[in-house]
Amino acid sequence: MQNVNIMNPQVQSLLEEFEIFFLNQQVELTNNYINGDNPDYWTGDEYLESIMKDHDGSPKNSNSYCLKPQHYNGLDSQYEIVYNDINDRLSLELGVSHSALSQMYPPDGFIAWHTNENAIGANLIFTWSETGDGYFEYLDKEGKKVRMQDKVGWSCKSGYFGGREDNQHVYHCARTNCKRITLSYVFEGCPTEWWDDCLEHVQRG
């Protein structure tokens, strides 16, 4: 995993549109809520060790709100239209194949250790943090934990989540003590050059 500086003004602008839209909508009050508990366990060593030999790639627990329109339970008839408009423009700007995740975490939010080996591809992970009091954590190739601390506002990281058969799977989790938004976009089956171009584009001022 690597940090990616968000320098492109158009990318910054579209992320800010999402931020304003989500926070003004107060979607945490109206969207489907995955009310996970015991974050110490789900983001801790005991659970991580338990999935080392048998895991399908998907997270088994979280404390978060789904932001995609199919999960919206509110009364705003324009929610899907506005969401899709911003998402389509950001996807086109990045040149990605699809959005893998749009999630909001409340204070004490988390997502359990998992690998995404059921959804293989190169990922761009955009994160907005209210105060910076949160993190993304993963195991590197040597099996050592690496914690990437959030910062206030938007940040970006990139990496490849592969399969177990070629030892390209990556165990990762996240946790926060403040409001946190994650938007993940995937390059699936794209040439490496496209991925490199996208990373350059995001960092181009």
N, C-alpha and C. Protein backbone atom coordinates (compact mmCIF):
# COMPACT_ATOMS: atom_id res chain seq x y z
N MET A 1 0.85 -1.19 0.00
CA MET A 1 0.00 0.00 0.00
C MET A 1 0.89 1.24 0.00
N GLN A 2 0.42 2.28 -0.67
CA GLN A 2 1.19 3.52 -0.72
C GLN A 2 0.24 4.72 -0.61
N ASN A 3 0.75 5.78 -0.03
CA ASN A 3 0.00 7.03 0.02
C ASN A 3 0.07 7.73 -1.33
N VAL A 4 -1.03 8.37 -1.71
CA VAL A 4 -1.10 9.10 -2.96
C VAL A 4 -1.55 10.52 -2.65
N ASN A 5 -0.74 11.50 -3.02
CA ASN A 5 -1.10 12.89 -2.77
C ASN A 5 -2.20 13.34 -3.74
N ILE A 6 -3.26 13.90 -3.19
CA ILE A 6 -4.37 14.39 -4.04
C ILE A 6 -4.07 15.83 -4.42
N MET A 7 -3.52 16.02 -5.60
CA MET A 7 -3.13 17.35 -6.05
C MET A 7 -4.00 17.85 -7.20
N ASN A 8 -4.68 16.93 -7.89
CA ASN A 8 -5.49 17.30 -9.04
C ASN A 8 -6.72 18.09 -8.57
N PRO A 9 -6.90 19.33 -9.03
CA PRO A 9 -8.01 20.16 -8.54
C PRO A 9 -9.38 19.60 -8.88
N GLN A 10 -9.52 18.91 -10.02
CA GLN A 10 -10.82 18.34 -10.38
C GLN A 10 -11.17 17.17 -9.48
N VAL A 11 -10.19 16.33 -9.17
CA VAL A 11 -10.42 15.22 -8.24
C VAL A 11 -10.77 15.77 -6.86
N GLN A 12 -10.04 16.77 -6.41
CA GLN A 12 -10.32 17.39 -5.12
C GLN A 12 -11.74 17.94 -5.08
N SER A 13 -12.15 18.61 -6.16
CA SER A 13 -13.47 19.22 -6.21
C SER A 13 -14.58 18.18 -6.14
N LEU A 14 -14.41 17.06 -6.85
CA LEU A 14 -15.43 16.02 -6.85
C LEU A 14 -15.51 15.32 -5.49
N LEU A 15 -14.37 15.12 -4.84
CA LEU A 15 -14.39 14.54 -3.50
C LEU A 15 -15.10 15.48 -2.52
N GLU A 16 -14.88 16.77 -2.66
CA GLU A 16 -15.55 17.74 -1.79
C GLU A 16 -17.05 17.76 -2.05
N GLU A 17 -17.47 17.55 -3.30
CA GLU A 17 -18.90 17.44 -3.58
C GLU A 17 -19.51 16.26 -2.83
N PHE A 18 -18.82 15.12 -2.85
CA PHE A 18 -19.30 13.96 -2.10
C PHE A 18 -19.37 14.27 -0.61
N GLU A 19 -18.32 14.89 -0.10
CA GLU A 19 -18.27 15.22 1.34
C GLU A 19 -19.45 16.08 1.75
N ILE A 20 -19.68 17.15 1.01
CA ILE A 20 -20.78 18.07 1.34
C ILE A 20 -22.12 17.36 1.21
N PHE A 21 -22.29 16.58 0.15
CA PHE A 21 -23.54 15.87 -0.07
C PHE A 21 -23.83 14.90 1.07
N PHE A 22 -22.86 14.08 1.44
CA PHE A 22 -23.07 13.09 2.49
C PHE A 22 -23.33 13.75 3.84
N LEU A 23 -22.52 14.75 4.20
CA LEU A 23 -22.65 15.34 5.52
C LEU A 23 -23.92 16.18 5.64
N ASN A 24 -24.28 16.89 4.58
CA ASN A 24 -25.50 17.69 4.62
C ASN A 24 -26.75 16.82 4.63
N GLN A 25 -26.67 15.67 3.99
CA GLN A 25 -27.80 14.77 3.96
C GLN A 25 -28.00 14.07 5.31
N GLN A 26 -26.95 14.07 6.12
CA GLN A 26 -26.99 13.33 7.38
C GLN A 26 -27.43 11.89 7.11
N VAL A 27 -26.76 11.28 6.12
CA VAL A 27 -27.16 9.95 5.69
C VAL A 27 -27.02 8.91 6.79
N GLU A 28 -26.22 9.23 7.81
CA GLU A 28 -26.07 8.25 8.89
C GLU A 28 -27.39 8.03 9.63
N LEU A 29 -28.32 8.95 9.48
CA LEU A 29 -29.60 8.80 10.16
C LEU A 29 -30.61 8.02 9.33
N THR A 30 -30.34 7.85 8.05
CA THR A 30 -31.35 7.28 7.17
C THR A 30 -30.89 6.04 6.41
N ASN A 31 -29.59 5.80 6.32
CA ASN A 31 -29.12 4.66 5.54
C ASN A 31 -29.07 3.39 6.37
N ASN A 32 -29.04 2.26 5.67
CA ASN A 32 -28.84 0.99 6.35
C ASN A 32 -27.59 1.07 7.22
N TYR A 33 -27.72 0.59 8.44
CA TYR A 33 -26.66 0.71 9.42
C TYR A 33 -26.20 -0.68 9.82
N ILE A 34 -24.91 -0.95 9.63
CA ILE A 34 -24.34 -2.22 10.07
C ILE A 34 -23.79 -1.99 11.47
N ASN A 35 -24.53 -2.42 12.47
CA ASN A 35 -24.21 -2.07 13.85
C ASN A 35 -23.34 -3.14 14.49
N GLY A 36 -22.07 -3.17 14.08
CA GLY A 36 -21.14 -4.11 14.68
C GLY A 36 -20.68 -3.64 16.05
N ASP A 37 -20.30 -4.58 16.88
CA ASP A 37 -19.79 -4.23 18.20
C ASP A 37 -18.44 -4.91 18.42
N ASN A 38 -17.83 -4.61 19.55
CA ASN A 38 -16.56 -5.21 19.97
C ASN A 38 -15.44 -4.98 18.94
N PRO A 39 -15.14 -3.72 18.62
CA PRO A 39 -14.10 -3.45 17.62
C PRO A 39 -12.73 -3.96 18.02
N ASP A 40 -12.45 -4.05 19.33
CA ASP A 40 -11.15 -4.56 19.76
C ASP A 40 -10.93 -5.98 19.24
N TYR A 41 -12.00 -6.77 19.21
CA TYR A 41 -11.88 -8.14 18.72
C TYR A 41 -11.73 -8.18 17.20
N TRP A 42 -12.62 -7.50 16.49
CA TRP A 42 -12.67 -7.60 15.03
C TRP A 42 -11.48 -6.96 14.34
N THR A 43 -10.79 -6.03 15.02
CA THR A 43 -9.59 -5.42 14.44
C THR A 43 -8.33 -5.85 15.20
N GLY A 44 -8.46 -6.91 16.00
CA GLY A 44 -7.36 -7.37 16.83
C GLY A 44 -6.70 -8.64 16.32
N ASP A 45 -5.68 -9.07 17.06
CA ASP A 45 -4.87 -10.22 16.65
C ASP A 45 -5.64 -11.54 16.67
N GLU A 46 -6.51 -11.72 17.66
CA GLU A 46 -7.21 -12.99 17.79
C GLU A 46 -8.06 -13.28 16.56
N TYR A 47 -8.84 -12.28 16.12
CA TYR A 47 -9.67 -12.50 14.94
C TYR A 47 -8.82 -12.64 13.69
N LEU A 48 -7.78 -11.82 13.57
CA LEU A 48 -6.90 -11.91 12.41
C LEU A 48 -6.33 -13.32 12.26
N GLU A 49 -5.85 -13.87 13.35
CA GLU A 49 -5.28 -15.22 13.31
C GLU A 49 -6.35 -16.26 12.94
N SER A 50 -7.59 -16.01 13.34
CA SER A 50 -8.65 -16.98 13.08
C SER A 50 -9.02 -17.10 11.61
N ILE A 51 -8.72 -16.07 10.80
CA ILE A 51 -9.10 -16.12 9.38
C ILE A 51 -7.91 -16.39 8.46
N MET A 52 -6.75 -16.63 9.05
CA MET A 52 -5.55 -16.86 8.24
C MET A 52 -5.67 -18.09 7.34
N LYS A 53 -6.35 -19.13 7.81
CA LYS A 53 -6.43 -20.38 7.04
C LYS A 53 -7.74 -20.53 6.26
N ASP A 54 -8.76 -19.80 6.67
CA ASP A 54 -10.07 -19.97 6.03
C ASP A 54 -10.79 -18.63 5.97
N HIS A 55 -10.78 -18.01 4.77
CA HIS A 55 -11.39 -16.68 4.62
C HIS A 55 -11.80 -16.49 3.18
N ASP A 56 -13.00 -15.96 2.95
CA ASP A 56 -13.48 -15.79 1.57
C ASP A 56 -13.19 -14.40 1.01
N GLY A 57 -12.60 -13.54 1.82
CA GLY A 57 -12.20 -12.21 1.34
C GLY A 57 -13.06 -11.08 1.83
N SER A 58 -14.31 -11.33 2.21
CA SER A 58 -15.23 -10.26 2.60
C SER A 58 -15.16 -9.99 4.10
N PRO A 59 -15.40 -8.73 4.50
CA PRO A 59 -15.42 -8.41 5.93
C PRO A 59 -16.65 -9.00 6.61
N LYS A 60 -16.49 -9.56 7.79
CA LYS A 60 -17.60 -10.22 8.49
C LYS A 60 -18.30 -9.32 9.49
N ASN A 61 -17.75 -8.15 9.75
CA ASN A 61 -18.41 -7.25 10.69
C ASN A 61 -17.89 -5.83 10.49
N SER A 62 -18.73 -4.87 10.81
CA SER A 62 -18.31 -3.47 10.77
C SER A 62 -19.31 -2.63 11.55
N ASN A 63 -18.92 -1.42 11.84
CA ASN A 63 -19.81 -0.43 12.44
C ASN A 63 -19.80 0.75 11.47
N SER A 64 -20.80 0.78 10.57
CA SER A 64 -20.75 1.74 9.47
C SER A 64 -22.10 1.88 8.80
N TYR A 65 -22.19 2.84 7.90
CA TYR A 65 -23.39 3.11 7.12
C TYR A 65 -23.08 2.94 5.64
N CYS A 66 -23.92 2.24 4.93
CA CYS A 66 -23.77 2.08 3.48
C CYS A 66 -24.26 3.35 2.78
N LEU A 67 -23.44 3.90 1.89
CA LEU A 67 -23.79 5.15 1.22
C LEU A 67 -24.33 4.96 -0.19
N LYS A 68 -24.15 3.79 -0.78
CA LYS A 68 -24.63 3.58 -2.14
C LYS A 68 -26.16 3.66 -2.18
N PRO A 69 -26.72 4.14 -3.28
CA PRO A 69 -28.17 4.38 -3.36
C PRO A 69 -29.04 3.16 -3.07
N GLN A 70 -28.57 1.97 -3.40
CA GLN A 70 -29.40 0.79 -3.16
C GLN A 70 -29.60 0.51 -1.67
N HIS A 71 -28.82 1.17 -0.84
CA HIS A 71 -28.97 1.00 0.61
C HIS A 71 -29.66 2.18 1.27
N TYR A 72 -30.03 3.18 0.48
CA TYR A 72 -30.60 4.40 1.05
C TYR A 72 -32.05 4.18 1.49
N ASN A 73 -32.34 4.56 2.74
CA ASN A 73 -33.70 4.40 3.28
C ASN A 73 -34.37 5.73 3.60
N GLY A 74 -33.78 6.83 3.15
CA GLY A 74 -34.31 8.14 3.48
C GLY A 74 -35.44 8.58 2.57
N LEU A 75 -35.84 9.82 2.73
CA LEU A 75 -36.98 10.37 2.02
C LEU A 75 -36.60 11.25 0.84
N ASP A 76 -35.28 11.49 0.65
CA ASP A 76 -34.84 12.37 -0.42
C ASP A 76 -34.91 11.64 -1.76
N SER A 77 -35.85 12.03 -2.59
CA SER A 77 -36.06 11.37 -3.88
C SER A 77 -34.91 11.63 -4.86
N GLN A 78 -34.07 12.62 -4.54
CA GLN A 78 -32.96 12.97 -5.43
C GLN A 78 -31.65 12.30 -5.02
N TYR A 79 -31.67 11.54 -3.95
CA TYR A 79 -30.42 10.96 -3.43
C TYR A 79 -29.70 10.14 -4.50
N GLU A 80 -30.40 9.22 -5.12
CA GLU A 80 -29.78 8.34 -6.12
C GLU A 80 -29.26 9.15 -7.30
N ILE A 81 -30.04 10.14 -7.73
CA ILE A 81 -29.64 10.95 -8.88
C ILE A 81 -28.36 11.71 -8.60
N VAL A 82 -28.30 12.36 -7.43
CA VAL A 82 -27.13 13.17 -7.09
C VAL A 82 -25.91 12.28 -6.86
N TYR A 83 -26.12 11.18 -6.11
CA TYR A 83 -25.01 10.26 -5.86
C TYR A 83 -24.42 9.75 -7.18
N ASN A 84 -25.28 9.26 -8.07
CA ASN A 84 -24.80 8.69 -9.32
C ASN A 84 -24.11 9.73 -10.20
N ASP A 85 -24.60 10.96 -10.15
CA ASP A 85 -23.98 12.02 -10.94
C ASP A 85 -22.55 12.27 -10.49
N ILE A 86 -22.35 12.43 -9.17
CA ILE A 86 -20.99 12.68 -8.66
C ILE A 86 -20.11 11.46 -8.89
N ASN A 87 -20.65 10.29 -8.60
CA ASN A 87 -19.86 9.07 -8.74
C ASN A 87 -19.45 8.82 -10.19
N ASP A 88 -20.36 9.06 -11.13
CA ASP A 88 -20.04 8.86 -12.54
C ASP A 88 -18.95 9.83 -13.00
N ARG A 89 -19.05 11.07 -12.55
CA ARG A 89 -18.04 12.06 -12.95
C ARG A 89 -16.67 11.74 -12.35
N LEU A 90 -16.65 11.28 -11.09
CA LEU A 90 -15.39 10.93 -10.46
C LEU A 90 -14.79 9.67 -11.11
N SER A 91 -15.64 8.67 -11.40
CA SER A 91 -15.17 7.45 -12.05
C SER A 91 -14.57 7.76 -13.42
N LEU A 92 -15.23 8.65 -14.17
CA LEU A 92 -14.72 9.04 -15.49
C LEU A 92 -13.40 9.80 -15.35
N GLU A 93 -13.32 10.67 -14.37
CA GLU A 93 -12.10 11.44 -14.14
C GLU A 93 -10.92 10.52 -13.82
N LEU A 94 -11.18 9.47 -13.06
CA LEU A 94 -10.13 8.55 -12.64
C LEU A 94 -9.86 7.47 -13.68
N GLY A 95 -10.86 7.16 -14.51
CA GLY A 95 -10.72 6.09 -15.47
C GLY A 95 -10.83 4.71 -14.85
N VAL A 96 -11.61 4.59 -13.77
CA VAL A 96 -11.74 3.32 -13.06
C VAL A 96 -12.88 2.49 -13.63
N SER A 97 -12.87 1.18 -13.29
CA SER A 97 -13.91 0.30 -13.82
C SER A 97 -15.17 0.35 -12.99
N HIS A 98 -15.06 0.45 -11.66
CA HIS A 98 -16.26 0.54 -10.84
C HIS A 98 -15.93 0.96 -9.41
N SER A 99 -16.97 1.36 -8.70
CA SER A 99 -16.86 1.69 -7.28
C SER A 99 -17.06 0.42 -6.46
N ALA A 100 -16.10 0.12 -5.60
CA ALA A 100 -16.19 -1.09 -4.77
C ALA A 100 -16.85 -0.81 -3.43
N LEU A 101 -16.72 0.41 -2.93
CA LEU A 101 -17.20 0.69 -1.57
C LEU A 101 -17.48 2.18 -1.41
N SER A 102 -18.61 2.49 -0.80
CA SER A 102 -18.93 3.86 -0.36
C SER A 102 -19.52 3.72 1.04
N GLN A 103 -18.76 4.13 2.04
CA GLN A 103 -19.14 3.82 3.41
C GLN A 103 -18.84 4.99 4.32
N MET A 104 -19.71 5.21 5.31
CA MET A 104 -19.45 6.20 6.35
C MET A 104 -19.35 5.49 7.69
N TYR A 105 -18.31 5.84 8.44
CA TYR A 105 -18.11 5.27 9.77
C TYR A 105 -18.36 6.34 10.82
N PRO A 106 -19.15 6.02 11.85
CA PRO A 106 -19.36 6.96 12.94
C PRO A 106 -18.17 6.88 13.90
N PRO A 107 -18.09 7.75 14.90
CA PRO A 107 -17.10 7.54 15.96
C PRO A 107 -17.27 6.13 16.52
N ASP A 108 -16.16 5.46 16.79
CA ASP A 108 -16.13 4.05 17.19
C ASP A 108 -16.43 3.13 16.02
N GLY A 109 -16.37 3.64 14.79
CA GLY A 109 -16.60 2.81 13.62
C GLY A 109 -15.38 1.95 13.30
N PHE A 110 -15.64 0.88 12.56
CA PHE A 110 -14.55 -0.01 12.18
C PHE A 110 -15.01 -0.91 11.04
N ILE A 111 -14.05 -1.58 10.41
CA ILE A 111 -14.32 -2.69 9.51
C ILE A 111 -13.33 -3.79 9.87
N ALA A 112 -13.83 -5.01 9.99
CA ALA A 112 -13.01 -6.13 10.47
C ALA A 112 -11.92 -6.50 9.47
N TRP A 113 -10.93 -7.21 9.97
CA TRP A 113 -9.88 -7.74 9.11
C TRP A 113 -10.49 -8.55 7.95
N HIS A 114 -10.00 -8.33 6.73
CA HIS A 114 -10.43 -9.07 5.57
C HIS A 114 -9.38 -8.89 4.47
N THR A 115 -9.59 -9.52 3.32
CA THR A 115 -8.57 -9.47 2.27
C THR A 115 -9.05 -8.95 0.92
N ASN A 116 -10.35 -8.95 0.66
CA ASN A 116 -10.90 -8.59 -0.66
C ASN A 116 -10.47 -9.57 -1.75
N GLU A 117 -10.06 -10.78 -1.38
CA GLU A 117 -9.65 -11.73 -2.41
C GLU A 117 -10.83 -12.22 -3.25
N ASN A 118 -12.04 -11.87 -2.83
CA ASN A 118 -13.23 -12.15 -3.63
C ASN A 118 -13.52 -11.02 -4.62
N ALA A 119 -12.71 -9.98 -4.60
CA ALA A 119 -12.88 -8.84 -5.50
C ALA A 119 -11.50 -8.33 -5.90
N ILE A 120 -10.80 -9.13 -6.68
CA ILE A 120 -9.41 -8.86 -7.02
C ILE A 120 -9.28 -7.64 -7.94
N GLY A 121 -8.29 -6.81 -7.66
CA GLY A 121 -8.03 -5.66 -8.52
C GLY A 121 -7.17 -4.63 -7.83
N ALA A 122 -6.64 -3.71 -8.63
CA ALA A 122 -5.92 -2.55 -8.09
C ALA A 122 -6.94 -1.55 -7.56
N ASN A 123 -6.66 -0.99 -6.39
CA ASN A 123 -7.63 -0.12 -5.72
C ASN A 123 -7.08 1.28 -5.47
N LEU A 124 -7.96 2.24 -5.60
CA LEU A 124 -7.74 3.60 -5.08
C LEU A 124 -8.71 3.77 -3.92
N ILE A 125 -8.19 4.10 -2.75
CA ILE A 125 -9.02 4.24 -1.56
C ILE A 125 -8.95 5.68 -1.08
N PHE A 126 -10.05 6.41 -1.24
CA PHE A 126 -10.14 7.79 -0.77
C PHE A 126 -10.78 7.80 0.61
N THR A 127 -10.19 8.53 1.53
CA THR A 127 -10.71 8.60 2.90
C THR A 127 -10.85 10.04 3.34
N TRP A 128 -12.01 10.37 3.88
CA TRP A 128 -12.22 11.66 4.54
C TRP A 128 -12.34 11.41 6.04
N SER A 129 -11.61 12.19 6.83
CA SER A 129 -11.66 12.05 8.28
C SER A 129 -11.96 13.41 8.91
N GLU A 130 -12.88 13.41 9.86
CA GLU A 130 -13.28 14.66 10.51
C GLU A 130 -12.15 15.26 11.33
N THR A 131 -11.42 14.44 12.09
CA THR A 131 -10.36 14.96 12.96
C THR A 131 -9.01 14.28 12.73
N GLY A 132 -8.98 13.25 11.89
CA GLY A 132 -7.75 12.51 11.67
C GLY A 132 -7.52 11.37 12.67
N ASP A 133 -8.49 11.17 13.56
CA ASP A 133 -8.33 10.15 14.60
C ASP A 133 -8.87 8.80 14.12
N GLY A 134 -8.17 8.23 13.17
CA GLY A 134 -8.55 6.94 12.62
C GLY A 134 -7.39 6.38 11.83
N TYR A 135 -7.52 5.14 11.36
CA TYR A 135 -6.41 4.53 10.64
C TYR A 135 -6.87 3.40 9.73
N PHE A 136 -5.99 3.08 8.78
CA PHE A 136 -6.08 1.89 7.94
C PHE A 136 -4.87 1.04 8.29
N GLU A 137 -5.08 -0.25 8.51
CA GLU A 137 -3.97 -1.11 8.91
C GLU A 137 -3.93 -2.35 8.01
N TYR A 138 -2.74 -2.80 7.66
CA TYR A 138 -2.61 -3.98 6.81
C TYR A 138 -1.36 -4.76 7.19
N LEU A 139 -1.30 -6.00 6.70
CA LEU A 139 -0.10 -6.82 6.87
C LEU A 139 0.74 -6.73 5.61
N ASP A 140 2.03 -6.42 5.76
CA ASP A 140 2.90 -6.37 4.61
C ASP A 140 3.36 -7.78 4.22
N LYS A 141 4.21 -7.88 3.22
CA LYS A 141 4.64 -9.19 2.70
C LYS A 141 5.38 -10.02 3.75
N GLU A 142 5.95 -9.37 4.76
CA GLU A 142 6.65 -10.08 5.82
C GLU A 142 5.73 -10.42 6.98
N GLY A 143 4.45 -10.07 6.84
CA GLY A 143 3.50 -10.35 7.89
C GLY A 143 3.52 -9.36 9.03
N LYS A 144 4.13 -8.21 8.82
CA LYS A 144 4.19 -7.17 9.84
C LYS A 144 3.04 -6.17 9.65
N LYS A 145 2.47 -5.72 10.75
CA LYS A 145 1.40 -4.74 10.67
C LYS A 145 1.96 -3.36 10.29
N VAL A 146 1.26 -2.72 9.36
CA VAL A 146 1.60 -1.35 8.97
C VAL A 146 0.34 -0.51 9.16
N ARG A 147 0.45 0.54 9.97
CA ARG A 147 -0.70 1.40 10.24
C ARG A 147 -0.54 2.72 9.49
N MET A 148 -1.53 3.04 8.67
CA MET A 148 -1.54 4.30 7.93
C MET A 148 -2.54 5.23 8.61
N GLN A 149 -2.03 6.22 9.32
CA GLN A 149 -2.87 7.11 10.09
C GLN A 149 -3.65 8.06 9.17
N ASP A 150 -4.92 8.27 9.48
CA ASP A 150 -5.72 9.26 8.75
C ASP A 150 -5.19 10.66 9.01
N LYS A 151 -5.58 11.58 8.18
CA LYS A 151 -5.34 12.99 8.43
C LYS A 151 -6.67 13.73 8.27
N VAL A 152 -6.74 14.93 8.75
CA VAL A 152 -7.97 15.70 8.63
C VAL A 152 -8.26 15.96 7.15
N GLY A 153 -9.51 15.74 6.76
CA GLY A 153 -9.90 15.95 5.37
C GLY A 153 -9.65 14.71 4.53
N TRP A 154 -9.43 14.92 3.23
CA TRP A 154 -9.30 13.81 2.29
C TRP A 154 -7.84 13.35 2.17
N SER A 155 -7.68 12.05 2.06
CA SER A 155 -6.39 11.44 1.75
C SER A 155 -6.65 10.28 0.80
N CYS A 156 -5.58 9.72 0.24
CA CYS A 156 -5.73 8.64 -0.72
C CYS A 156 -4.60 7.63 -0.55
N LYS A 157 -4.92 6.38 -0.71
CA LYS A 157 -3.92 5.32 -0.72
C LYS A 157 -4.24 4.37 -1.87
N SER A 158 -3.25 3.65 -2.32
CA SER A 158 -3.46 2.71 -3.42
C SER A 158 -2.75 1.40 -3.13
N GLY A 159 -3.26 0.34 -3.74
CA GLY A 159 -2.66 -0.96 -3.56
C GLY A 159 -3.40 -2.00 -4.37
N TYR A 160 -2.82 -3.19 -4.44
CA TYR A 160 -3.41 -4.28 -5.19
C TYR A 160 -3.88 -5.36 -4.23
N PHE A 161 -5.17 -5.69 -4.29
CA PHE A 161 -5.73 -6.78 -3.50
C PHE A 161 -5.89 -7.98 -4.42
N GLY A 162 -5.02 -8.95 -4.25
CA GLY A 162 -5.03 -10.10 -5.13
C GLY A 162 -5.57 -11.35 -4.47
N GLY A 163 -5.26 -12.49 -5.08
CA GLY A 163 -5.78 -13.77 -4.61
C GLY A 163 -4.79 -14.52 -3.75
N ARG A 164 -5.29 -15.55 -3.09
CA ARG A 164 -4.46 -16.37 -2.22
C ARG A 164 -3.55 -17.31 -3.01
N GLU A 165 -4.03 -17.72 -4.20
CA GLU A 165 -3.26 -18.69 -4.97
C GLU A 165 -1.91 -18.15 -5.42
N ASP A 166 -1.80 -16.83 -5.64
CA ASP A 166 -0.52 -16.25 -6.02
C ASP A 166 0.09 -15.42 -4.89
N ASN A 167 -0.46 -15.59 -3.68
CA ASN A 167 0.04 -14.91 -2.48
C ASN A 167 -0.01 -13.39 -2.62
N GLN A 168 -1.05 -12.90 -3.31
CA GLN A 168 -1.22 -11.47 -3.48
C GLN A 168 -2.33 -10.90 -2.60
N HIS A 169 -2.89 -11.74 -1.72
CA HIS A 169 -3.95 -11.26 -0.83
C HIS A 169 -3.33 -10.38 0.26
N VAL A 170 -4.11 -9.39 0.70
CA VAL A 170 -3.64 -8.43 1.69
C VAL A 170 -4.65 -8.32 2.82
N TYR A 171 -4.28 -8.75 4.01
CA TYR A 171 -5.15 -8.58 5.17
C TYR A 171 -5.14 -7.10 5.57
N HIS A 172 -6.36 -6.54 5.76
CA HIS A 172 -6.45 -5.14 6.16
C HIS A 172 -7.72 -4.89 6.95
N CYS A 173 -7.71 -3.84 7.73
CA CYS A 173 -8.86 -3.40 8.53
C CYS A 173 -8.78 -1.90 8.71
N ALA A 174 -9.80 -1.31 9.31
CA ALA A 174 -9.78 0.13 9.58
C ALA A 174 -10.60 0.41 10.84
N ARG A 175 -10.28 1.53 11.48
CA ARG A 175 -10.97 1.91 12.71
C ARG A 175 -10.89 3.42 12.88
N THR A 176 -11.89 4.00 13.53
CA THR A 176 -11.91 5.46 13.70
C THR A 176 -12.60 5.86 14.99
N ASN A 177 -12.17 6.99 15.52
CA ASN A 177 -12.80 7.60 16.69
C ASN A 177 -13.55 8.87 16.32
N CYS A 178 -13.68 9.14 15.02
CA CYS A 178 -14.41 10.31 14.54
C CYS A 178 -15.14 9.91 13.26
N LYS A 179 -15.95 10.81 12.73
CA LYS A 179 -16.62 10.52 11.47
C LYS A 179 -15.58 10.28 10.37
N ARG A 180 -15.87 9.26 9.54
CA ARG A 180 -14.92 8.86 8.50
C ARG A 180 -15.68 8.34 7.29
N ILE A 181 -15.28 8.77 6.10
CA ILE A 181 -15.90 8.31 4.85
C ILE A 181 -14.84 7.60 4.02
N THR A 182 -15.19 6.46 3.45
CA THR A 182 -14.29 5.75 2.56
C THR A 182 -14.96 5.50 1.21
N LEU A 183 -14.28 5.90 0.15
CA LEU A 183 -14.71 5.63 -1.23
C LEU A 183 -13.61 4.83 -1.89
N SER A 184 -13.92 3.62 -2.33
CA SER A 184 -12.91 2.76 -2.94
C SER A 184 -13.28 2.48 -4.39
N TYR A 185 -12.30 2.67 -5.28
CA TYR A 185 -12.51 2.44 -6.71
C TYR A 185 -11.52 1.40 -7.22
N VAL A 186 -11.96 0.57 -8.15
CA VAL A 186 -11.18 -0.59 -8.58
C VAL A 186 -10.84 -0.54 -10.06
N PHE A 187 -9.60 -0.92 -10.37
CA PHE A 187 -9.17 -1.20 -11.73
C PHE A 187 -9.16 -2.71 -11.87
N GLU A 188 -10.12 -3.25 -12.60
CA GLU A 188 -10.23 -4.70 -12.75
C GLU A 188 -9.90 -5.09 -14.18
N GLY A 189 -8.84 -5.87 -14.34
CA GLY A 189 -8.46 -6.35 -15.67
C GLY A 189 -7.89 -5.27 -16.57
N CYS A 190 -7.41 -4.19 -15.98
CA CYS A 190 -6.85 -3.09 -16.78
C CYS A 190 -5.33 -3.24 -16.89
N PRO A 191 -4.74 -2.75 -17.99
CA PRO A 191 -3.28 -2.77 -18.11
C PRO A 191 -2.62 -1.97 -17.00
N THR A 192 -1.43 -2.37 -16.60
CA THR A 192 -0.69 -1.67 -15.55
C THR A 192 -0.49 -0.21 -15.88
N GLU A 193 -0.34 0.09 -17.18
CA GLU A 193 -0.10 1.47 -17.59
C GLU A 193 -1.29 2.36 -17.22
N TRP A 194 -2.51 1.83 -17.30
CA TRP A 194 -3.69 2.61 -16.94
C TRP A 194 -3.64 2.99 -15.47
N TRP A 195 -3.27 2.01 -14.65
CA TRP A 195 -3.15 2.23 -13.21
C TRP A 195 -2.12 3.32 -12.92
N ASP A 196 -0.96 3.21 -13.55
CA ASP A 196 0.10 4.20 -13.35
C ASP A 196 -0.36 5.58 -13.79
N ASP A 197 -1.07 5.66 -14.92
CA ASP A 197 -1.57 6.93 -15.42
C ASP A 197 -2.55 7.56 -14.44
N CYS A 198 -3.40 6.72 -13.83
CA CYS A 198 -4.37 7.23 -12.88
C CYS A 198 -3.69 7.83 -11.66
N LEU A 199 -2.69 7.12 -11.13
CA LEU A 199 -1.97 7.62 -9.96
C LEU A 199 -1.28 8.95 -10.28
N GLU A 200 -0.72 9.04 -11.46
CA GLU A 200 -0.10 10.31 -11.89
C GLU A 200 -1.14 11.41 -12.01
N HIS A 201 -2.30 11.06 -12.54
CA HIS A 201 -3.37 12.03 -12.72
C HIS A 201 -3.86 12.60 -11.40
N VAL A 202 -4.04 11.74 -10.41
CA VAL A 202 -4.51 12.18 -9.08
C VAL A 202 -3.49 13.14 -8.46
N GLN A 203 -2.20 12.91 -8.73
CA GLN A 203 -1.14 13.69 -8.09
C GLN A 203 -0.70 14.89 -8.92
N ARG A 204 -1.38 15.11 -10.06
CA ARG A 204 -0.99 16.20 -10.94
C ARG A 204 -1.69 17.50 -10.54
N GLY A 205 -0.95 18.51 -10.16
CA GLY A 205 -1.50 19.78 -9.74
C GLY A 205 -1.83 20.70 -10.89
